[in-house]
PDB file of all heavy atoms in Angstrom:
ATOM      1  N   PRO A   1     106.782 115.450  93.728  1.00  0.00           N
ATOM      2  CA  PRO A   1     106.484 115.696  92.244  1.00  0.00           C
ATOM      3  C   PRO A   1     107.094 114.613  91.437  1.00  0.00           C
ATOM      4  O   PRO A   1     108.061 113.938  91.758  1.00  0.00           O
ATOM      5  CB  PRO A   1     107.189 117.011  92.004  1.00  0.00           C
ATOM      6  CG  PRO A   1     108.265 117.153  93.045  1.00  0.00           C
ATOM      7  CD  PRO A   1     107.778 116.388  94.237  1.00  0.00           C
ATOM      8  N   ASN A   2     106.478 114.316  90.269  1.00  0.00           N
ATOM      9  CA  ASN A   2     107.052 113.359  89.362  1.00  0.00           C
ATOM     10  C   ASN A   2     107.405 114.087  88.023  1.00  0.00           C
ATOM     11  O   ASN A   2     107.425 115.361  88.068  1.00  0.00           O
ATOM     12  CB  ASN A   2     106.062 112.212  89.084  1.00  0.00           C
ATOM     13  CG  ASN A   2     104.692 112.632  88.574  1.00  0.00           C
ATOM     14  OD1 ASN A   2     104.555 113.680  88.017  1.00  0.00           O
ATOM     15  ND2 ASN A   2     103.633 111.857  88.765  1.00  0.00           N
ATOM     16  N   GLY A   3     107.545 113.408  86.953  1.00  0.00           N
ATOM     17  CA  GLY A   3     108.018 113.978  85.686  1.00  0.00           C
ATOM     18  C   GLY A   3     106.982 115.019  85.113  1.00  0.00           C
ATOM     19  O   GLY A   3     107.377 115.887  84.311  1.00  0.00           O
ATOM     20  N   TRP A   4     105.731 114.862  85.349  1.00  0.00           N
ATOM     21  CA  TRP A   4     104.700 115.681  84.763  1.00  0.00           C
ATOM     22  C   TRP A   4     104.712 117.098  85.430  1.00  0.00           C
ATOM     23  O   TRP A   4     103.990 117.957  85.000  1.00  0.00           O
ATOM     24  CB  TRP A   4     103.301 115.072  84.987  1.00  0.00           C
ATOM     25  CG  TRP A   4     103.109 113.899  84.084  1.00  0.00           C
ATOM     26  CD1 TRP A   4     103.158 112.591  84.582  1.00  0.00           C
ATOM     27  CD2 TRP A   4     102.777 113.852  82.765  1.00  0.00           C
ATOM     28  NE1 TRP A   4     102.907 111.805  83.507  1.00  0.00           N
ATOM     29  CE2 TRP A   4     102.651 112.517  82.387  1.00  0.00           C
ATOM     30  CE3 TRP A   4     102.617 114.877  81.832  1.00  0.00           C
ATOM     31  CZ2 TRP A   4     102.346 112.134  81.075  1.00  0.00           C
ATOM     32  CZ3 TRP A   4     102.373 114.508  80.475  1.00  0.00           C
ATOM     33  CH2 TRP A   4     102.255 113.144  80.128  1.00  0.00           C
ATOM     34  N   VAL A   5     105.523 117.316  86.461  1.00  0.00           N
ATOM     35  CA  VAL A   5     105.621 118.596  87.074  1.00  0.00           C
ATOM     36  C   VAL A   5     106.110 119.685  86.137  1.00  0.00           C
ATOM     37  O   VAL A   5     105.870 120.837  86.408  1.00  0.00           O
ATOM     38  CB  VAL A   5     106.487 118.470  88.433  1.00  0.00           C
ATOM     39  CG1 VAL A   5     107.952 118.516  88.060  1.00  0.00           C
ATOM     40  CG2 VAL A   5     106.132 119.706  89.353  1.00  0.00           C
ATOM     41  N   ALA A   6     106.762 119.264  85.087  1.00  0.00           N
ATOM     42  CA  ALA A   6     107.255 120.237  84.087  1.00  0.00           C
ATOM     43  C   ALA A   6     106.045 121.010  83.424  1.00  0.00           C
ATOM     44  O   ALA A   6     106.305 122.126  82.880  1.00  0.00           O
ATOM     45  CB  ALA A   6     108.073 119.522  83.038  1.00  0.00           C
ATOM     46  N   LEU A   7     104.869 120.532  83.510  1.00  0.00           N
ATOM     47  CA  LEU A   7     103.747 121.159  82.838  1.00  0.00           C
ATOM     48  C   LEU A   7     103.076 122.125  83.789  1.00  0.00           C
ATOM     49  O   LEU A   7     102.055 122.762  83.369  1.00  0.00           O
ATOM     50  CB  LEU A   7     102.699 120.120  82.311  1.00  0.00           C
ATOM     51  CG  LEU A   7     103.232 119.251  81.261  1.00  0.00           C
ATOM     52  CD1 LEU A   7     102.128 118.221  80.823  1.00  0.00           C
ATOM     53  CD2 LEU A   7     103.578 119.991  79.969  1.00  0.00           C
ATOM     54  N   THR A   8     103.463 122.246  85.028  1.00  0.00           N
ATOM     55  CA  THR A   8     102.668 123.020  86.011  1.00  0.00           C
ATOM     56  C   THR A   8     102.877 124.521  85.736  1.00  0.00           C
ATOM     57  O   THR A   8     101.996 125.242  86.189  1.00  0.00           O
ATOM     58  CB  THR A   8     103.198 122.778  87.443  1.00  0.00           C
ATOM     59  OG1 THR A   8     104.582 122.921  87.563  1.00  0.00           O
ATOM     60  CG2 THR A   8     102.797 121.349  87.833  1.00  0.00           C
ATOM     61  N   PRO A   9     103.891 124.994  85.060  1.00  0.00           N
ATOM     62  CA  PRO A   9     103.877 126.465  84.748  1.00  0.00           C
ATOM     63  C   PRO A   9     102.645 126.869  83.863  1.00  0.00           C
ATOM     64  O   PRO A   9     102.164 128.032  83.925  1.00  0.00           O
ATOM     65  CB  PRO A   9     105.170 126.796  84.054  1.00  0.00           C
ATOM     66  CG  PRO A   9     106.017 125.707  84.545  1.00  0.00           C
ATOM     67  CD  PRO A   9     105.248 124.516  84.718  1.00  0.00           C
ATOM     68  N   LEU A  10     102.132 125.897  83.125  1.00  0.00           N
ATOM     69  CA  LEU A  10     100.973 126.189  82.346  1.00  0.00           C
ATOM     70  C   LEU A  10      99.761 125.940  83.305  1.00  0.00           C
ATOM     71  O   LEU A  10      99.617 124.984  83.962  1.00  0.00           O
ATOM     72  CB  LEU A  10     100.834 125.195  81.158  1.00  0.00           C
ATOM     73  CG  LEU A  10     102.001 125.204  80.278  1.00  0.00           C
ATOM     74  CD1 LEU A  10     101.950 124.131  79.249  1.00  0.00           C
ATOM     75  CD2 LEU A  10     102.139 126.607  79.513  1.00  0.00           C
ATOM     76  N   LEU A  11      98.870 126.895  83.396  1.00  0.00           N
ATOM     77  CA  LEU A  11      97.805 126.861  84.395  1.00  0.00           C
ATOM     78  C   LEU A  11      96.818 125.741  84.195  1.00  0.00           C
ATOM     79  O   LEU A  11      96.457 124.954  85.120  1.00  0.00           O
ATOM     80  CB  LEU A  11      97.151 128.191  84.412  1.00  0.00           C
ATOM     81  CG  LEU A  11      96.041 128.358  85.556  1.00  0.00           C
ATOM     82  CD1 LEU A  11      96.610 128.146  86.886  1.00  0.00           C
ATOM     83  CD2 LEU A  11      95.391 129.682  85.455  1.00  0.00           C
ATOM     84  N   LEU A  12      96.337 125.525  82.950  1.00  0.00           N
ATOM     85  CA  LEU A  12      95.324 124.556  82.703  1.00  0.00           C
ATOM     86  C   LEU A  12      95.703 123.076  83.007  1.00  0.00           C
ATOM     87  O   LEU A  12      95.008 122.353  83.640  1.00  0.00           O
ATOM     88  CB  LEU A  12      94.778 124.675  81.291  1.00  0.00           C
ATOM     89  CG  LEU A  12      93.520 124.017  81.019  1.00  0.00           C
ATOM     90  CD1 LEU A  12      92.390 124.388  81.899  1.00  0.00           C
ATOM     91  CD2 LEU A  12      93.086 124.206  79.553  1.00  0.00           C
ATOM     92  N   PRO A  13      96.934 122.651  82.597  1.00  0.00           N
ATOM     93  CA  PRO A  13      97.317 121.271  82.853  1.00  0.00           C
ATOM     94  C   PRO A  13      97.452 120.981  84.368  1.00  0.00           C
ATOM     95  O   PRO A  13      97.395 119.871  84.794  1.00  0.00           O
ATOM     96  CB  PRO A  13      98.666 121.076  82.161  1.00  0.00           C
ATOM     97  CG  PRO A  13      98.658 122.029  81.076  1.00  0.00           C
ATOM     98  CD  PRO A  13      97.848 123.263  81.583  1.00  0.00           C
ATOM     99  N   THR A  14      97.689 121.975  85.175  1.00  0.00           N
ATOM    100  CA  THR A  14      97.815 121.746  86.632  1.00  0.00           C
ATOM    101  C   THR A  14      96.654 121.132  87.171  1.00  0.00           C
ATOM    102  O   THR A  14      96.765 120.284  88.165  1.00  0.00           O
ATOM    103  CB  THR A  14      98.080 123.162  87.277  1.00  0.00           C
ATOM    104  OG1 THR A  14      99.165 123.830  86.773  1.00  0.00           O
ATOM    105  CG2 THR A  14      98.238 122.981  88.797  1.00  0.00           C
ATOM    106  N   PHE A  15      95.444 121.337  86.678  1.00  0.00           N
ATOM    107  CA  PHE A  15      94.285 120.755  87.195  1.00  0.00           C
ATOM    108  C   PHE A  15      93.959 119.421  86.641  1.00  0.00           C
ATOM    109  O   PHE A  15      93.119 118.656  87.250  1.00  0.00           O
ATOM    110  CB  PHE A  15      93.033 121.669  86.965  1.00  0.00           C
ATOM    111  CG  PHE A  15      93.122 122.987  87.653  1.00  0.00           C
ATOM    112  CD1 PHE A  15      93.509 124.189  86.914  1.00  0.00           C
ATOM    113  CD2 PHE A  15      93.062 123.100  88.965  1.00  0.00           C
ATOM    114  CE1 PHE A  15      93.631 125.394  87.550  1.00  0.00           C
ATOM    115  CE2 PHE A  15      93.276 124.339  89.661  1.00  0.00           C
ATOM    116  CZ  PHE A  15      93.436 125.459  88.951  1.00  0.00           C
ATOM    117  N   PHE A  16      94.545 118.982  85.517  1.00  0.00           N
ATOM    118  CA  PHE A  16      94.214 117.702  84.872  1.00  0.00           C
ATOM    119  C   PHE A  16      95.346 116.743  84.793  1.00  0.00           C
ATOM    120  O   PHE A  16      95.108 115.558  84.588  1.00  0.00           O
ATOM    121  CB  PHE A  16      93.678 118.058  83.464  1.00  0.00           C
ATOM    122  CG  PHE A  16      92.453 118.922  83.445  1.00  0.00           C
ATOM    123  CD1 PHE A  16      92.591 120.249  83.079  1.00  0.00           C
ATOM    124  CD2 PHE A  16      91.282 118.450  83.903  1.00  0.00           C
ATOM    125  CE1 PHE A  16      91.441 121.044  83.146  1.00  0.00           C
ATOM    126  CE2 PHE A  16      90.198 119.279  83.863  1.00  0.00           C
ATOM    127  CZ  PHE A  16      90.292 120.613  83.572  1.00  0.00           C
ATOM    128  N   VAL A  17      96.523 117.176  84.907  1.00  0.00           N
ATOM    129  CA  VAL A  17      97.730 116.294  84.754  1.00  0.00           C
ATOM    130  C   VAL A  17      98.135 115.765  86.160  1.00  0.00           C
ATOM    131  O   VAL A  17      98.347 116.501  87.100  1.00  0.00           O
ATOM    132  CB  VAL A  17      98.895 117.039  84.104  1.00  0.00           C
ATOM    133  CG1 VAL A  17     100.151 116.134  84.036  1.00  0.00           C
ATOM    134  CG2 VAL A  17      98.581 117.438  82.712  1.00  0.00           C
ATOM    135  N   PRO A  18      98.353 114.408  86.257  1.00  0.00           N
ATOM    136  CA  PRO A  18      98.785 113.872  87.550  1.00  0.00           C
ATOM    137  C   PRO A  18     100.217 113.988  87.777  1.00  0.00           C
ATOM    138  O   PRO A  18     101.010 113.146  87.485  1.00  0.00           O
ATOM    139  CB  PRO A  18      98.362 112.386  87.394  1.00  0.00           C
ATOM    140  CG  PRO A  18      98.398 112.087  85.966  1.00  0.00           C
ATOM    141  CD  PRO A  18      97.955 113.351  85.290  1.00  0.00           C
ATOM    142  N   PHE A  19     100.540 115.155  88.398  1.00  0.00           N
ATOM    143  CA  PHE A  19     102.004 115.542  88.532  1.00  0.00           C
ATOM    144  C   PHE A  19     102.522 115.246  89.969  1.00  0.00           C
ATOM    145  O   PHE A  19     103.653 115.572  90.223  1.00  0.00           O
ATOM    146  CB  PHE A  19     102.293 116.946  88.132  1.00  0.00           C
ATOM    147  CG  PHE A  19     101.586 117.914  89.057  1.00  0.00           C
ATOM    148  CD1 PHE A  19     102.306 118.536  90.091  1.00  0.00           C
ATOM    149  CD2 PHE A  19     100.304 118.387  88.788  1.00  0.00           C
ATOM    150  CE1 PHE A  19     101.664 119.453  90.856  1.00  0.00           C
ATOM    151  CE2 PHE A  19      99.730 119.346  89.598  1.00  0.00           C
ATOM    152  CZ  PHE A  19     100.400 119.932  90.666  1.00  0.00           C
ATOM    153  N   LEU A  20     101.699 114.693  90.831  1.00  0.00           N
ATOM    154  CA  LEU A  20     102.092 114.355  92.205  1.00  0.00           C
ATOM    155  C   LEU A  20     102.021 112.899  92.460  1.00  0.00           C
ATOM    156  O   LEU A  20     101.102 112.221  92.167  1.00  0.00           O
ATOM    157  CB  LEU A  20     101.180 115.074  93.231  1.00  0.00           C
ATOM    158  CG  LEU A  20     101.256 116.649  93.187  1.00  0.00           C
ATOM    159  CD1 LEU A  20     100.174 117.232  94.127  1.00  0.00           C
ATOM    160  CD2 LEU A  20     102.600 117.160  93.572  1.00  0.00           C
ATOM    161  N   ASP A  21     103.057 112.317  93.213  1.00  0.00           N
ATOM    162  CA  ASP A  21     103.040 111.031  93.729  1.00  0.00           C
ATOM    163  C   ASP A  21     102.768 111.075  95.216  1.00  0.00           C
ATOM    164  O   ASP A  21     103.424 111.784  95.940  1.00  0.00           O
ATOM    165  CB  ASP A  21     104.383 110.370  93.486  1.00  0.00           C
ATOM    166  CG  ASP A  21     104.606 110.055  91.973  1.00  0.00           C
ATOM    167  OD1 ASP A  21     103.621 109.945  91.290  1.00  0.00           O
ATOM    168  OD2 ASP A  21     105.766 109.870  91.689  1.00  0.00           O
ATOM    169  N   LYS A  22     101.692 110.404  95.650  1.00  0.00           N
ATOM    170  CA  LYS A  22     101.280 110.543  97.033  1.00  0.00           C
ATOM    171  C   LYS A  22     101.497 109.112  97.648  1.00  0.00           C
ATOM    172  O   LYS A  22     101.206 108.085  97.072  1.00  0.00           O
ATOM    173  CB  LYS A  22      99.831 110.930  97.257  1.00  0.00           C
ATOM    174  CG  LYS A  22      99.672 112.420  96.912  1.00  0.00           C
ATOM    175  CD  LYS A  22      98.301 112.805  97.398  1.00  0.00           C
ATOM    176  CE  LYS A  22      98.135 114.298  97.127  1.00  0.00           C
ATOM    177  NZ  LYS A  22      96.829 114.863  97.548  1.00  0.00           N
ATOM    178  N   LYS A  23     101.877 109.181  98.965  1.00  0.00           N
ATOM    179  CA  LYS A  23     102.024 107.885  99.793  1.00  0.00           C
ATOM    180  C   LYS A  23     101.534 108.226 101.152  1.00  0.00           C
ATOM    181  O   LYS A  23     101.856 109.199 101.737  1.00  0.00           O
ATOM    182  CB  LYS A  23     103.531 107.517  99.741  1.00  0.00           C
ATOM    183  CG  LYS A  23     103.740 106.215 100.597  1.00  0.00           C
ATOM    184  CD  LYS A  23     105.207 105.758 100.376  1.00  0.00           C
ATOM    185  CE  LYS A  23     106.149 106.783 100.901  1.00  0.00           C
ATOM    186  NZ  LYS A  23     107.501 106.262 101.015  1.00  0.00           N
ATOM    187  N   ILE A  24     100.706 107.321 101.674  1.00  0.00           N
ATOM    188  CA  ILE A  24     100.125 107.462 103.025  1.00  0.00           C
ATOM    189  C   ILE A  24     100.744 106.422 103.938  1.00  0.00           C
ATOM    190  O   ILE A  24     100.833 105.302 103.629  1.00  0.00           O
ATOM    191  CB  ILE A  24      98.607 107.320 103.057  1.00  0.00           C
ATOM    192  CG1 ILE A  24      97.917 108.339 102.173  1.00  0.00           C
ATOM    193  CG2 ILE A  24      98.059 107.286 104.442  1.00  0.00           C
ATOM    194  CD1 ILE A  24      96.501 108.297 102.101  1.00  0.00           C
ATOM    195  N   GLU A  25     101.191 106.882 105.106  1.00  0.00           N
ATOM    196  CA  GLU A  25     101.661 105.996 106.203  1.00  0.00           C
ATOM    197  C   GLU A  25     100.870 106.240 107.416  1.00  0.00           C
ATOM    198  O   GLU A  25     100.747 107.362 107.856  1.00  0.00           O
ATOM    199  CB  GLU A  25     103.163 106.242 106.416  1.00  0.00           C
ATOM    200  CG  GLU A  25     104.106 105.982 105.254  1.00  0.00           C
ATOM    201  CD  GLU A  25     105.500 106.301 105.590  1.00  0.00           C
ATOM    202  OE1 GLU A  25     105.852 106.560 106.722  1.00  0.00           O
ATOM    203  OE2 GLU A  25     106.353 106.297 104.621  1.00  0.00           O
ATOM    204  N   SER A  26     100.239 105.163 107.880  1.00  0.00           N
ATOM    205  CA  SER A  26      99.479 105.263 109.118  1.00  0.00           C
ATOM    206  C   SER A  26     100.076 104.243 110.205  1.00  0.00           C
ATOM    207  O   SER A  26     100.568 103.217 109.768  1.00  0.00           O
ATOM    208  CB  SER A  26      98.015 104.934 108.918  1.00  0.00           C
ATOM    209  OG  SER A  26      97.499 105.676 107.944  1.00  0.00           O
ATOM    210  N   TYR A  27      99.851 104.589 111.450  1.00  0.00           N
ATOM    211  CA  TYR A  27     100.349 103.730 112.494  1.00  0.00           C
ATOM    212  C   TYR A  27      99.343 103.762 113.691  1.00  0.00           C
ATOM    213  O   TYR A  27      98.601 104.749 113.847  1.00  0.00           O
ATOM    214  CB  TYR A  27     101.741 104.197 112.998  1.00  0.00           C
ATOM    215  CG  TYR A  27     101.785 105.350 113.805  1.00  0.00           C
ATOM    216  CD1 TYR A  27     101.630 105.386 115.205  1.00  0.00           C
ATOM    217  CD2 TYR A  27     101.966 106.586 113.163  1.00  0.00           C
ATOM    218  CE1 TYR A  27     101.630 106.501 115.902  1.00  0.00           C
ATOM    219  CE2 TYR A  27     101.972 107.785 113.914  1.00  0.00           C
ATOM    220  CZ  TYR A  27     101.845 107.785 115.315  1.00  0.00           C
ATOM    221  OH  TYR A  27     101.828 108.962 116.013  1.00  0.00           O
ATOM    222  N   LEU A  28      99.342 102.675 114.480  1.00  0.00           N
ATOM    223  CA  LEU A  28      98.576 102.619 115.691  1.00  0.00           C
ATOM    224  C   LEU A  28      99.411 101.871 116.665  1.00  0.00           C
ATOM    225  O   LEU A  28      99.742 100.689 116.522  1.00  0.00           O
ATOM    226  CB  LEU A  28      97.229 101.927 115.420  1.00  0.00           C
ATOM    227  CG  LEU A  28      96.357 101.724 116.639  1.00  0.00           C
ATOM    228  CD1 LEU A  28      95.943 103.045 117.255  1.00  0.00           C
ATOM    229  CD2 LEU A  28      95.107 100.872 116.306  1.00  0.00           C
ATOM    230  N   ASP A  29      99.827 102.600 117.758  1.00  0.00           N
ATOM    231  CA  ASP A  29     100.474 101.905 118.887  1.00  0.00           C
ATOM    232  C   ASP A  29      99.489 101.698 120.020  1.00  0.00           C
ATOM    233  O   ASP A  29      98.857 102.626 120.368  1.00  0.00           O
ATOM    234  CB  ASP A  29     101.647 102.771 119.379  1.00  0.00           C
ATOM    235  CG  ASP A  29     102.833 102.716 118.482  1.00  0.00           C
ATOM    236  OD1 ASP A  29     103.028 101.683 117.719  1.00  0.00           O
ATOM    237  OD2 ASP A  29     103.526 103.722 118.363  1.00  0.00           O
ATOM    238  N   THR A  30      99.478 100.511 120.581  1.00  0.00           N
ATOM    239  CA  THR A  30      98.611 100.180 121.683  1.00  0.00           C
ATOM    240  C   THR A  30      99.428  99.647 122.863  1.00  0.00           C
ATOM    241  O   THR A  30     100.280  98.813 122.664  1.00  0.00           O
ATOM    242  CB  THR A  30      97.615  99.111 121.267  1.00  0.00           C
ATOM    243  OG1 THR A  30      96.914  99.528 120.068  1.00  0.00           O
ATOM    244  CG2 THR A  30      96.580  98.851 122.316  1.00  0.00           C
ATOM    245  N   TYR A  31      99.193 100.249 124.035  1.00  0.00           N
ATOM    246  CA  TYR A  31      99.862  99.864 125.225  1.00  0.00           C
ATOM    247  C   TYR A  31      98.868  99.254 126.259  1.00  0.00           C
ATOM    248  O   TYR A  31      97.830 100.011 126.537  1.00  0.00           O
ATOM    249  CB  TYR A  31     100.567 101.044 125.890  1.00  0.00           C
ATOM    250  CG  TYR A  31     101.550 101.664 124.968  1.00  0.00           C
ATOM    251  CD1 TYR A  31     101.198 102.755 124.146  1.00  0.00           C
ATOM    252  CD2 TYR A  31     102.942 101.185 124.847  1.00  0.00           C
ATOM    253  CE1 TYR A  31     102.073 103.348 123.335  1.00  0.00           C
ATOM    254  CE2 TYR A  31     103.788 101.765 123.977  1.00  0.00           C
ATOM    255  CZ  TYR A  31     103.387 102.861 123.210  1.00  0.00           C
ATOM    256  OH  TYR A  31     104.204 103.537 122.345  1.00  0.00           O
ATOM    257  N   VAL A  32      99.098  98.148 126.862  1.00  0.00           N
ATOM    258  CA  VAL A  32      98.352  97.539 127.860  1.00  0.00           C
ATOM    259  C   VAL A  32      99.154  97.579 129.140  1.00  0.00           C
ATOM    260  O   VAL A  32     100.120  96.866 129.201  1.00  0.00           O
ATOM    261  CB  VAL A  32      97.849  96.155 127.539  1.00  0.00           C
ATOM    262  CG1 VAL A  32      97.031  95.566 128.630  1.00  0.00           C
ATOM    263  CG2 VAL A  32      97.177  96.101 126.188  1.00  0.00           C
ATOM    264  N   ILE A  33      98.721  98.331 130.138  1.00  0.00           N
ATOM    265  CA  ILE A  33      99.546  98.602 131.374  1.00  0.00           C
ATOM    266  C   ILE A  33      98.731  98.201 132.580  1.00  0.00           C
ATOM    267  O   ILE A  33      97.504  98.535 132.726  1.00  0.00           O
ATOM    268  CB  ILE A  33      99.906 100.118 131.432  1.00  0.00           C
ATOM    269  CG1 ILE A  33     100.751 100.449 130.196  1.00  0.00           C
ATOM    270  CG2 ILE A  33     100.702 100.366 132.670  1.00  0.00           C
ATOM    271  CD1 ILE A  33     100.942 101.976 130.042  1.00  0.00           C
ATOM    272  N   ASP A  34      99.352  97.472 133.493  1.00  0.00           N
ATOM    273  CA  ASP A  34      98.770  97.165 134.775  1.00  0.00           C
ATOM    274  C   ASP A  34      98.708  98.363 135.614  1.00  0.00           C
ATOM    275  O   ASP A  34      99.693  99.077 135.769  1.00  0.00           O
ATOM    276  CB  ASP A  34      99.600  96.051 135.425  1.00  0.00           C
ATOM    277  CG  ASP A  34      98.900  95.461 136.697  1.00  0.00           C
ATOM    278  OD1 ASP A  34      98.126  96.162 137.372  1.00  0.00           O
ATOM    279  OD2 ASP A  34      99.069  94.305 136.902  1.00  0.00           O
ATOM    280  N   THR A  35      97.503  98.629 136.275  1.00  0.00           N
ATOM    281  CA  THR A  35      97.366  99.878 137.032  1.00  0.00           C
ATOM    282  C   THR A  35      98.035  99.792 138.415  1.00  0.00           C
ATOM    283  O   THR A  35      98.353 100.823 138.972  1.00  0.00           O
ATOM    284  CB  THR A  35      95.882 100.238 137.129  1.00  0.00           C
ATOM    285  OG1 THR A  35      95.194  99.175 137.764  1.00  0.00           O
ATOM    286  CG2 THR A  35      95.243 100.509 135.792  1.00  0.00           C
ATOM    287  N   ARG A  36      98.161  98.618 138.882  1.00  0.00           N
ATOM    288  CA  ARG A  36      98.716  98.497 140.251  1.00  0.00           C
ATOM    289  C   ARG A  36     100.238  98.724 140.335  1.00  0.00           C
ATOM    290  O   ARG A  36     100.725  99.279 141.196  1.00  0.00           O
ATOM    291  CB  ARG A  36      98.300  97.106 140.852  1.00  0.00           C
ATOM    292  CG  ARG A  36      96.840  96.912 141.038  1.00  0.00           C
ATOM    293  CD  ARG A  36      96.457  95.563 141.424  1.00  0.00           C
ATOM    294  NE  ARG A  36      96.838  94.563 140.393  1.00  0.00           N
ATOM    295  CZ  ARG A  36      96.160  94.281 139.257  1.00  0.00           C
ATOM    296  NH1 ARG A  36      95.078  94.952 139.012  1.00  0.00           N
ATOM    297  NH2 ARG A  36      96.622  93.353 138.490  1.00  0.00           N
ATOM    298  N   ASN A  37     100.966  98.071 139.437  1.00  0.00           N
ATOM    299  CA  ASN A  37     102.377  98.148 139.483  1.00  0.00           C
ATOM    300  C   ASN A  37     103.088  98.775 138.266  1.00  0.00           C
ATOM    301  O   ASN A  37     104.304  98.906 138.227  1.00  0.00           O
ATOM    302  CB  ASN A  37     102.958  96.709 139.727  1.00  0.00           C
ATOM    303  CG  ASN A  37     102.552  95.786 138.708  1.00  0.00           C
ATOM    304  OD1 ASN A  37     102.035  96.149 137.601  1.00  0.00           O
ATOM    305  ND2 ASN A  37     102.803  94.498 138.916  1.00  0.00           N
ATOM    306  N   GLY A  38     102.287  99.136 137.299  1.00  0.00           N
ATOM    307  CA  GLY A  38     102.875  99.878 136.112  1.00  0.00           C
ATOM    308  C   GLY A  38     103.521  98.819 135.062  1.00  0.00           C
ATOM    309  O   GLY A  38     104.204  99.278 134.205  1.00  0.00           O
ATOM    310  N   PHE A  39     103.310  97.539 135.248  1.00  0.00           N
ATOM    311  CA  PHE A  39     103.854  96.556 134.402  1.00  0.00           C
ATOM    312  C   PHE A  39     103.200  96.714 133.015  1.00  0.00           C
ATOM    313  O   PHE A  39     101.967  96.734 132.810  1.00  0.00           O
ATOM    314  CB  PHE A  39     103.643  95.167 134.922  1.00  0.00           C
ATOM    315  CG  PHE A  39     104.133  94.014 134.084  1.00  0.00           C
ATOM    316  CD1 PHE A  39     105.534  93.817 134.075  1.00  0.00           C
ATOM    317  CD2 PHE A  39     103.312  93.245 133.321  1.00  0.00           C
ATOM    318  CE1 PHE A  39     106.035  92.794 133.285  1.00  0.00           C
ATOM    319  CE2 PHE A  39     103.854  92.276 132.551  1.00  0.00           C
ATOM    320  CZ  PHE A  39     105.238  92.003 132.511  1.00  0.00           C
ATOM    321  N   LEU A  40     104.069  96.681 132.030  1.00  0.00           N
ATOM    322  CA  LEU A  40     103.540  96.756 130.584  1.00  0.00           C
ATOM    323  C   LEU A  40     103.329  95.400 130.132  1.00  0.00           C
ATOM    324  O   LEU A  40     104.252  94.603 129.860  1.00  0.00           O
ATOM    325  CB  LEU A  40     104.699  97.423 129.718  1.00  0.00           C
ATOM    326  CG  LEU A  40     104.309  97.513 128.216  1.00  0.00           C
ATOM    327  CD1 LEU A  40     103.161  98.455 127.980  1.00  0.00           C
ATOM    328  CD2 LEU A  40     105.577  98.094 127.469  1.00  0.00           C
ATOM    329  N   TYR A  41     102.022  95.041 129.963  1.00  0.00           N
ATOM    330  CA  TYR A  41     101.684  93.713 129.553  1.00  0.00           C
ATOM    331  C   TYR A  41     101.965  93.490 128.029  1.00  0.00           C
ATOM    332  O   TYR A  41     102.398  92.430 127.647  1.00  0.00           O
ATOM    333  CB  TYR A  41     100.165  93.434 129.803  1.00  0.00           C
ATOM    334  CG  TYR A  41      99.852  93.029 131.209  1.00  0.00           C
ATOM    335  CD1 TYR A  41      98.904  93.788 131.934  1.00  0.00           C
ATOM    336  CD2 TYR A  41     100.490  92.032 131.912  1.00  0.00           C
ATOM    337  CE1 TYR A  41      98.638  93.511 133.247  1.00  0.00           C
ATOM    338  CE2 TYR A  41     100.236  91.780 133.185  1.00  0.00           C
ATOM    339  CZ  TYR A  41      99.279  92.518 133.858  1.00  0.00           C
ATOM    340  OH  TYR A  41      99.005  92.226 135.129  1.00  0.00           O
ATOM    341  N   ALA A  42     101.619  94.522 127.227  1.00  0.00           N
ATOM    342  CA  ALA A  42     101.752  94.326 125.824  1.00  0.00           C
ATOM    343  C   ALA A  42     101.971  95.719 125.156  1.00  0.00           C
ATOM    344  O   ALA A  42     101.428  96.734 125.646  1.00  0.00           O
ATOM    345  CB  ALA A  42     100.569  93.696 125.204  1.00  0.00           C
ATOM    346  N   HIS A  43     102.803  95.713 124.140  1.00  0.00           N
ATOM    347  CA  HIS A  43     102.862  96.889 123.177  1.00  0.00           C
ATOM    348  C   HIS A  43     102.575  96.330 121.806  1.00  0.00           C
ATOM    349  O   HIS A  43     103.398  95.571 121.294  1.00  0.00           O
ATOM    350  CB  HIS A  43     104.306  97.471 123.277  1.00  0.00           C
ATOM    351  CG  HIS A  43     104.446  98.602 122.217  1.00  0.00           C
ATOM    352  ND1 HIS A  43     105.648  98.603 121.466  1.00  0.00           N
ATOM    353  CD2 HIS A  43     103.692  99.580 121.781  1.00  0.00           C
ATOM    354  CE1 HIS A  43     105.495  99.604 120.609  1.00  0.00           C
ATOM    355  NE2 HIS A  43     104.349 100.174 120.795  1.00  0.00           N
ATOM    356  N   ILE A  44     101.469  96.768 121.199  1.00  0.00           N
ATOM    357  CA  ILE A  44     101.147  96.335 119.886  1.00  0.00           C
ATOM    358  C   ILE A  44     101.413  97.434 118.863  1.00  0.00           C
ATOM    359  O   ILE A  44     100.783  98.544 119.109  1.00  0.00           O
ATOM    360  CB  ILE A  44      99.598  95.878 119.811  1.00  0.00           C
ATOM    361  CG1 ILE A  44      99.400  94.761 120.851  1.00  0.00           C
ATOM    362  CG2 ILE A  44      99.248  95.382 118.455  1.00  0.00           C
ATOM    363  CD1 ILE A  44      97.940  94.453 121.129  1.00  0.00           C
ATOM    364  N   ALA A  45     102.210  97.282 117.940  1.00  0.00           N
ATOM    365  CA  ALA A  45     102.531  98.275 116.933  1.00  0.00           C
ATOM    366  C   ALA A  45     101.916  97.771 115.640  1.00  0.00           C
ATOM    367  O   ALA A  45     102.348  96.685 115.098  1.00  0.00           O
ATOM    368  CB  ALA A  45     103.994  98.525 116.881  1.00  0.00           C
ATOM    369  N   SER A  46     101.112  98.537 114.967  1.00  0.00           N
ATOM    370  CA  SER A  46     100.611  98.169 113.678  1.00  0.00           C
ATOM    371  C   SER A  46     100.754  99.405 112.779  1.00  0.00           C
ATOM    372  O   SER A  46     100.620 100.520 113.257  1.00  0.00           O
ATOM    373  CB  SER A  46      99.005  97.950 113.805  1.00  0.00           C
ATOM    374  OG  SER A  46      98.787  96.877 114.668  1.00  0.00           O
TER     375      SER A  46
END
């Protein structure tokens, strides 16, 4: 919540006032593994 959250007890401003701050974090881990000996060729973290 940000400072506008003070208006949320009033029902109507809840739908129109931007009272939430949102942040998205995404990740992708990739592992390349040799099937014969289990050697980890690469680990790519994005």
